[in-house]
């Protein structure tokens, strides 16, 4: 591999942040709520001062929201009248309550400052962007103007759209391509696993009954000590850091871990195993600046998946429930 010989050849075509057209734009709240982004930023700063690890919680929320019926804050909706919401799908059972509450708290502040103006979908995107920056990652401009959905996807639809940690590279590429994201986006956005934790059931299959040959033996022994055999209940299982080097810092250590066969999840290590993505892993491991630049561009693409604009959605008063019909804010 090029990196093993000390050479770093960067062949990444960075996406240029261009004009978003009439739907989303970079000054959407300039007149209606000029302090919107500063309110979000100050709220996230206070939130992370209490617990820096919640950066990962916000990253999971935006990914799990955008991959299921688009970036419409549908993941925040709770079930009603016996109907299960997206939050009841197994991959969402471990969404962090504190991170969900942070979105709720920011919404409350914005409702006081600018009632019925800033959508929950925009709050998710802005809050996550700011959290990444405060954890050491890049800051970048983000277009706004997303509207909130009035309904949520079914549990089955949620499962069908969220790639599990057992996916190989081909399955990951197909999943991301279905959302308009390419191989470069896949590798860059996977770098979000430089923060956060994973529960034992998400990677124990790499340890037993036989050891995954793409897993470092010493690393595997440490994981086996953390995860007992049969420890397959998400509610009670142990967890470990996705990035064993710098778990609370947003940096490029995730990629350096992949080069050493220390990717925690199958879906992580596969990025280095597969020759369609391995050169990108090497490039990002070599250059944090390149990773940050591409992460910013890919995050913007992620945040634009199937967005609702104008009268297609609403601005929820309460992020966890759709507005009563007489109280819609569609301006």
Protein backbone atom coordinates (compact mmCIF):
# COMPACT_ATOMS: atom_id res chain seq x y z
CA UNK A 1 0.00 0.00 0.00
CA UNK A 2 1.18 3.52 -0.76
CA UNK A 3 0.91 4.70 2.83
CA UNK A 4 2.97 1.79 4.11
CA UNK A 5 5.83 3.06 1.96
CA UNK A 6 5.44 6.53 3.41
CA UNK A 7 3.84 8.00 0.30
CA UNK A 8 0.60 9.92 0.34
CA UNK A 9 -1.08 10.32 -3.01
CA UNK A 10 -4.26 12.34 -2.68
CA UNK A 11 -6.64 11.79 -5.57
CA UNK A 12 -9.84 13.05 -4.02
CA UNK A 13 -12.20 15.13 -6.10
CA UNK A 14 -13.61 17.53 -3.54
CA UNK A 15 -17.18 18.63 -4.00
CA UNK A 16 -17.55 22.38 -4.40
CA UNK A 17 -20.19 24.02 -2.24
CA UNK A 18 -22.26 25.80 -4.81
CA UNK A 19 -25.49 27.76 -4.96
CA UNK A 20 -28.43 25.80 -3.64
CA UNK A 21 -31.12 27.46 -5.74
CA UNK A 22 -34.47 28.58 -4.36
CA UNK A 23 -35.14 25.54 -2.14
CA UNK A 24 -32.25 25.65 0.34
CA UNK A 25 -29.89 28.57 0.72
CA UNK A 26 -27.24 29.93 3.03
CA UNK A 27 -29.22 32.93 4.27
CA UNK A 28 -32.64 31.36 4.69
CA UNK A 29 -33.20 32.79 8.19
CA UNK A 30 -31.39 36.09 7.63
CA UNK A 31 -34.60 38.12 7.90
CA UNK A 32 -36.99 35.80 9.75
CA UNK A 33 -34.64 34.63 12.52
CA UNK A 34 -31.19 36.23 12.16
CA UNK A 35 -29.94 34.74 15.46
CA UNK A 36 -30.97 31.19 14.58
CA UNK A 37 -27.48 29.80 13.98
CA UNK A 38 -25.95 31.62 16.96
CA UNK A 39 -28.68 30.23 19.23
CA UNK A 40 -27.98 26.71 18.00
CA UNK A 41 -24.23 27.18 18.36
CA UNK A 42 -24.36 28.54 21.91
CA UNK A 43 -26.78 25.78 22.94
CA UNK A 44 -24.52 23.05 21.58
CA UNK A 45 -21.48 24.59 23.25
CA UNK A 46 -23.25 24.41 26.63
CA UNK A 47 -24.51 20.89 25.91
CA UNK A 48 -21.08 19.52 24.99
CA UNK A 49 -19.43 21.21 27.95
CA UNK A 50 -21.42 18.77 30.08
CA UNK A 51 -20.69 15.71 27.93
CA UNK A 52 -18.38 15.81 24.91
CA UNK A 53 -19.32 12.23 23.96
CA UNK A 54 -22.75 13.38 22.79
CA UNK A 55 -21.21 14.53 19.50
CA UNK A 56 -21.66 10.95 18.35
CA UNK A 57 -25.30 10.99 19.44
CA UNK A 58 -26.05 13.94 17.17
CA UNK A 59 -24.19 12.38 14.25
CA UNK A 60 -26.30 9.23 14.57
CA UNK A 61 -29.49 11.26 14.66
CA UNK A 62 -28.82 13.05 11.38
CA UNK A 63 -27.68 9.89 9.61
CA UNK A 64 -30.65 7.86 10.83
CA UNK A 65 -32.99 10.71 9.91
CA UNK A 66 -31.69 11.44 6.42
CA UNK A 67 -31.41 7.82 5.29
CA UNK A 68 -35.07 7.15 6.14
CA UNK A 69 -37.50 9.23 4.06
CA UNK A 70 -35.02 12.12 3.83
CA UNK A 71 -33.78 14.88 6.12
CA UNK A 72 -37.19 15.75 7.53
CA UNK A 73 -36.80 15.19 11.29
CA UNK A 74 -39.13 12.20 11.07
CA UNK A 75 -36.79 10.29 13.42
CA UNK A 76 -37.82 12.67 16.20
CA UNK A 77 -41.53 11.82 15.97
CA UNK A 78 -42.99 9.55 18.63
CA UNK A 79 -45.57 6.87 17.90
CA UNK A 80 -49.24 7.74 18.25
CA UNK A 81 -52.41 5.69 18.68
CA UNK A 82 -50.52 2.43 18.92
CA UNK A 83 -48.52 3.04 15.72
CA UNK A 84 -44.79 2.51 16.13
CA UNK A 85 -42.51 5.30 14.95
CA UNK A 86 -39.01 5.13 13.49
CA UNK A 87 -37.66 5.27 17.04
CA UNK A 88 -39.01 1.78 17.68
CA UNK A 89 -36.87 0.22 14.95
CA UNK A 90 -33.96 -1.75 16.44
CA UNK A 91 -31.18 0.50 15.03
CA UNK A 92 -32.85 3.51 16.68
CA UNK A 93 -33.34 1.96 20.12
CA UNK A 94 -29.85 3.13 21.05
CA UNK A 95 -30.23 6.73 19.89
CA UNK A 96 -28.95 8.77 22.81
CA UNK A 97 -31.74 10.30 24.93
CA UNK A 98 -29.52 13.25 25.88
CA UNK A 99 -28.90 14.08 22.22
CA UNK A 100 -32.60 13.89 21.43
CA UNK A 101 -33.25 16.15 24.40
CA UNK A 102 -30.65 18.62 23.14
CA UNK A 103 -32.66 19.06 19.93
CA UNK A 104 -35.79 19.59 22.03
CA UNK A 105 -34.07 22.21 24.19
CA UNK A 106 -32.70 24.10 21.19
CA UNK A 107 -36.15 24.10 19.62
CA UNK A 108 -37.62 25.61 22.78
CA UNK A 109 -35.07 28.45 22.70
CA UNK A 110 -35.77 29.13 19.03
CA UNK A 111 -39.52 29.12 19.58
CA UNK A 112 -39.07 31.88 22.14
CA UNK A 113 -36.87 33.92 19.82
CA UNK A 114 -38.66 33.25 16.51
CA UNK A 115 -41.96 31.36 16.94
CA UNK A 116 -42.83 28.90 14.18
CA UNK A 117 -39.80 29.74 12.07
CA UNK A 118 -36.88 27.31 12.43
CA UNK A 119 -37.58 23.70 11.52
CA UNK A 120 -36.49 20.69 13.54
CA UNK A 121 -34.79 19.31 10.42
CA UNK A 122 -32.60 22.42 10.20
CA UNK A 123 -31.85 22.24 13.92
CA UNK A 124 -30.58 18.66 13.53
CA UNK A 125 -28.28 19.68 10.69
CA UNK A 126 -26.95 22.86 12.31
CA UNK A 127 -26.51 21.30 15.75
CA UNK A 128 -24.56 18.37 14.35
CA UNK A 129 -22.34 20.63 12.24
CA UNK A 130 -21.52 22.74 15.31
CA UNK A 131 -20.94 19.68 17.51
CA UNK A 132 -18.43 18.27 15.02
CA UNK A 133 -16.57 21.58 15.01
CA UNK A 134 -16.48 21.84 18.80
CA UNK A 135 -15.05 18.30 18.98
CA UNK A 136 -12.12 19.35 16.80
CA UNK A 137 -13.62 18.86 13.37
CA UNK A 138 -14.28 21.32 10.55
CA UNK A 139 -16.77 24.17 10.51
CA UNK A 140 -18.49 24.79 7.19
CA UNK A 141 -21.46 26.77 5.88
CA UNK A 142 -24.68 24.80 5.68
CA UNK A 143 -27.74 25.67 3.59
CA UNK A 144 -31.06 25.82 5.44
CA UNK A 145 -34.74 25.90 4.59
CA UNK A 146 -35.66 22.27 5.27
CA UNK A 147 -39.19 21.61 6.43
CA UNK A 148 -40.38 18.93 8.84
CA UNK A 149 -42.44 15.92 7.81
CA UNK A 150 -45.95 15.44 9.11
CA UNK A 151 -45.54 11.66 9.42
CA UNK A 152 -42.89 9.02 10.06
CA UNK A 153 -41.78 5.91 8.22
CA UNK A 154 -42.78 2.45 9.37
CA UNK A 155 -40.42 0.30 11.41
CA UNK A 156 -39.90 -1.97 8.41
CA UNK A 157 -39.13 0.93 6.09
CA UNK A 158 -36.66 2.22 8.66
CA UNK A 159 -34.91 -1.15 8.78
CA UNK A 160 -34.84 -1.34 4.98
CA UNK A 161 -33.03 1.99 4.68
CA UNK A 162 -30.44 1.91 7.47
CA UNK A 163 -27.31 -0.08 6.52
CA UNK A 164 -26.39 -2.47 9.36
CA UNK A 165 -22.84 -2.72 10.75
CA UNK A 166 -22.46 -6.15 9.14
CA UNK A 167 -22.62 -4.78 5.58
CA UNK A 168 -19.69 -5.40 3.27
CA UNK A 169 -18.33 -2.74 0.90
CA UNK A 170 -20.60 -3.69 -2.00
CA UNK A 171 -23.69 -3.46 0.17
CA UNK A 172 -22.55 -0.16 1.63
CA UNK A 173 -21.88 1.33 -1.79
CA UNK A 174 -25.30 0.25 -3.02
CA UNK A 175 -26.99 1.70 0.06
CA UNK A 176 -25.23 5.05 -0.26
CA UNK A 177 -25.72 5.23 -4.02
CA UNK A 178 -29.47 4.82 -3.49
CA UNK A 179 -29.32 8.10 -1.56
CA UNK A 180 -27.29 9.94 -4.18
CA UNK A 181 -23.99 9.49 -2.34
CA UNK A 182 -20.86 8.05 -3.95
CA UNK A 183 -17.87 6.05 -2.73
CA UNK A 184 -16.02 9.17 -1.61
CA UNK A 185 -19.05 10.27 0.43
CA UNK A 186 -19.27 6.80 1.98
CA UNK A 187 -15.67 6.82 3.16
CA UNK A 188 -15.75 10.45 4.33
CA UNK A 189 -19.02 10.14 6.25
CA UNK A 190 -17.89 6.86 7.81
CA UNK A 191 -15.18 8.97 9.42
CA UNK A 192 -17.87 10.11 11.85
CA UNK A 193 -16.99 6.86 13.63
CA UNK A 194 -13.96 8.70 14.98
CA UNK A 195 -16.29 9.43 17.91
CA UNK A 196 -18.88 7.32 19.70
CA UNK A 197 -19.35 3.78 20.91
CA UNK A 198 -20.83 0.53 19.62
CA UNK A 199 -22.60 -2.19 21.58
CA UNK A 200 -21.22 -5.72 21.58
CA UNK A 201 -23.94 -7.25 19.36
CA UNK A 202 -22.84 -4.98 16.49
CA UNK A 203 -19.38 -6.54 16.26
CA UNK A 204 -19.34 -9.78 18.29
CA UNK A 205 -19.83 -11.77 15.08
CA UNK A 206 -16.27 -10.81 14.17
CA UNK A 207 -14.98 -12.55 17.31
CA UNK A 208 -17.06 -15.74 17.48
CA UNK A 209 -17.37 -18.52 16.47
CA UNK A 210 -14.23 -17.74 14.46
CA UNK A 211 -12.02 -14.68 14.33
CA UNK A 212 -12.46 -12.29 11.40
CA UNK A 213 -9.13 -12.44 9.50
CA UNK A 214 -9.40 -8.67 8.89
CA UNK A 215 -9.28 -7.99 12.63
CA UNK A 216 -6.00 -7.44 14.50
CA UNK A 217 -5.46 -10.33 16.93
CA UNK A 218 -4.44 -8.21 19.93
CA UNK A 219 -7.33 -5.84 19.32
CA UNK A 220 -9.68 -8.82 19.05
CA UNK A 221 -8.52 -10.15 22.42
CA UNK A 222 -9.36 -6.84 24.08
CA UNK A 223 -12.79 -6.84 22.45
CA UNK A 224 -13.43 -10.42 23.56
CA UNK A 225 -12.68 -9.41 27.15
CA UNK A 226 -15.28 -6.64 26.86
CA UNK A 227 -17.97 -8.74 25.20
CA UNK A 228 -19.01 -11.93 26.93
CA UNK A 229 -20.19 -14.83 24.81
CA UNK A 230 -23.94 -14.53 24.40
CA UNK A 231 -23.87 -10.81 25.20
CA UNK A 232 -26.40 -10.03 22.48
CA UNK A 233 -28.97 -7.83 24.21
CA UNK A 234 -28.57 -4.17 23.23
CA UNK A 235 -30.24 -3.06 26.45
CA UNK A 236 -27.73 -4.83 28.73
CA UNK A 237 -24.64 -5.42 26.58
CA UNK A 238 -21.33 -3.69 27.08
CA UNK A 239 -20.04 -1.15 24.59
CA UNK A 240 -16.64 0.06 23.44
CA UNK A 241 -15.22 3.02 21.55
CA UNK A 242 -15.49 3.04 17.77
CA UNK A 243 -12.13 4.81 17.71
CA UNK A 244 -9.81 3.25 20.28
CA UNK A 245 -7.17 5.96 19.81
CA UNK A 246 -8.94 9.32 20.34
CA UNK A 247 -12.57 8.45 21.11
CA UNK A 248 -13.79 11.96 21.96
CA UNK A 249 -11.87 13.93 19.34
CA UNK A 250 -13.07 14.43 15.79
CA UNK A 251 -9.93 13.64 13.79
CA UNK A 252 -8.61 11.18 11.22
CA UNK A 253 -7.49 8.50 13.71
CA UNK A 254 -10.40 6.33 12.54
CA UNK A 255 -8.66 5.82 9.18
CA UNK A 256 -5.29 5.11 10.75
CA UNK A 257 -7.00 2.43 12.83
CA UNK A 258 -8.36 0.81 9.66
CA UNK A 259 -4.82 0.53 8.27
CA UNK A 260 -3.90 -1.46 11.40
CA UNK A 261 -6.95 -3.74 11.18
CA UNK A 262 -8.50 -2.00 14.18
CA UNK A 263 -11.81 -1.00 12.64
CA UNK A 264 -14.47 -2.05 15.14
CA UNK A 265 -17.36 -2.85 12.81
CA UNK A 266 -17.34 -5.01 9.70
CA UNK A 267 -18.68 -2.01 7.78
CA UNK A 268 -15.68 0.02 8.99
CA UNK A 269 -12.89 -2.40 8.14
CA UNK A 270 -14.45 -3.26 4.79
CA UNK A 271 -13.59 0.23 3.57
CA UNK A 272 -9.91 -0.69 3.69
CA UNK A 273 -10.38 -4.27 2.51
CA UNK A 274 -12.17 -3.32 -0.71
CA UNK A 275 -10.02 -1.85 -3.49
CA UNK A 276 -12.81 0.54 -4.52
CA UNK A 277 -12.46 2.44 -1.26
CA UNK A 278 -9.06 1.52 0.20
CA UNK A 279 -7.18 4.37 -1.53
CA UNK A 280 -9.57 6.87 0.04
CA UNK A 281 -8.94 5.38 3.48
CA UNK A 282 -5.19 5.76 2.90
CA UNK A 283 -5.60 9.35 1.72
CA UNK A 284 -7.66 10.38 4.74
CA UNK A 285 -5.31 8.53 7.10
CA UNK A 286 -2.45 10.51 5.60
CA UNK A 287 -4.13 13.93 5.54
CA UNK A 288 -6.58 15.15 8.15
CA UNK A 289 -7.04 18.30 6.10
CA UNK A 290 -8.27 16.28 3.12
CA UNK A 291 -10.61 14.31 5.37
CA UNK A 292 -12.06 17.47 6.89
CA UNK A 293 -12.58 19.09 3.47
CA UNK A 294 -14.35 16.06 2.07
CA UNK A 295 -16.34 15.42 5.23
CA UNK A 296 -17.73 18.95 5.01
CA UNK A 297 -18.75 18.52 1.37
CA UNK A 298 -20.24 15.07 1.96
CA UNK A 299 -22.11 16.23 5.07
CA UNK A 300 -23.79 18.96 3.03
CA UNK A 301 -24.84 16.34 0.46
CA UNK A 302 -26.16 14.10 3.24
CA UNK A 303 -28.16 16.97 4.74
CA UNK A 304 -29.90 17.58 1.39
CA UNK A 305 -31.27 14.06 0.86
CA UNK A 306 -34.96 14.22 -0.08
CA UNK A 307 -35.52 17.47 1.78
CA UNK A 308 -39.00 18.95 2.06
CA UNK A 309 -39.29 22.64 1.22
CA UNK A 310 -42.05 25.21 1.05
CA UNK A 311 -45.50 23.73 1.48
CA UNK A 312 -44.18 20.14 1.22
CA UNK A 313 -43.70 20.10 4.99
CA UNK A 314 -44.17 22.19 8.09
CA UNK A 315 -42.24 23.82 10.90
CA UNK A 316 -43.18 21.78 13.94
CA UNK A 317 -43.84 23.57 17.21
CA UNK A 318 -42.80 20.45 19.10
CA UNK A 319 -40.21 18.28 17.35
CA UNK A 320 -41.69 15.03 18.66
CA UNK A 321 -45.22 15.51 17.27
CA UNK A 322 -46.69 16.90 14.06
CA UNK A 323 -48.57 20.15 14.33
CA UNK A 324 -52.35 20.11 14.67
CA UNK A 325 -53.71 21.00 11.23
CA UNK A 326 -54.94 24.40 12.39
CA UNK A 327 -51.45 25.37 13.59
CA UNK A 328 -49.28 24.60 10.56
CA UNK A 329 -46.37 26.90 9.80
CA UNK A 330 -45.64 26.54 6.11
CA UNK A 331 -44.27 29.99 5.34
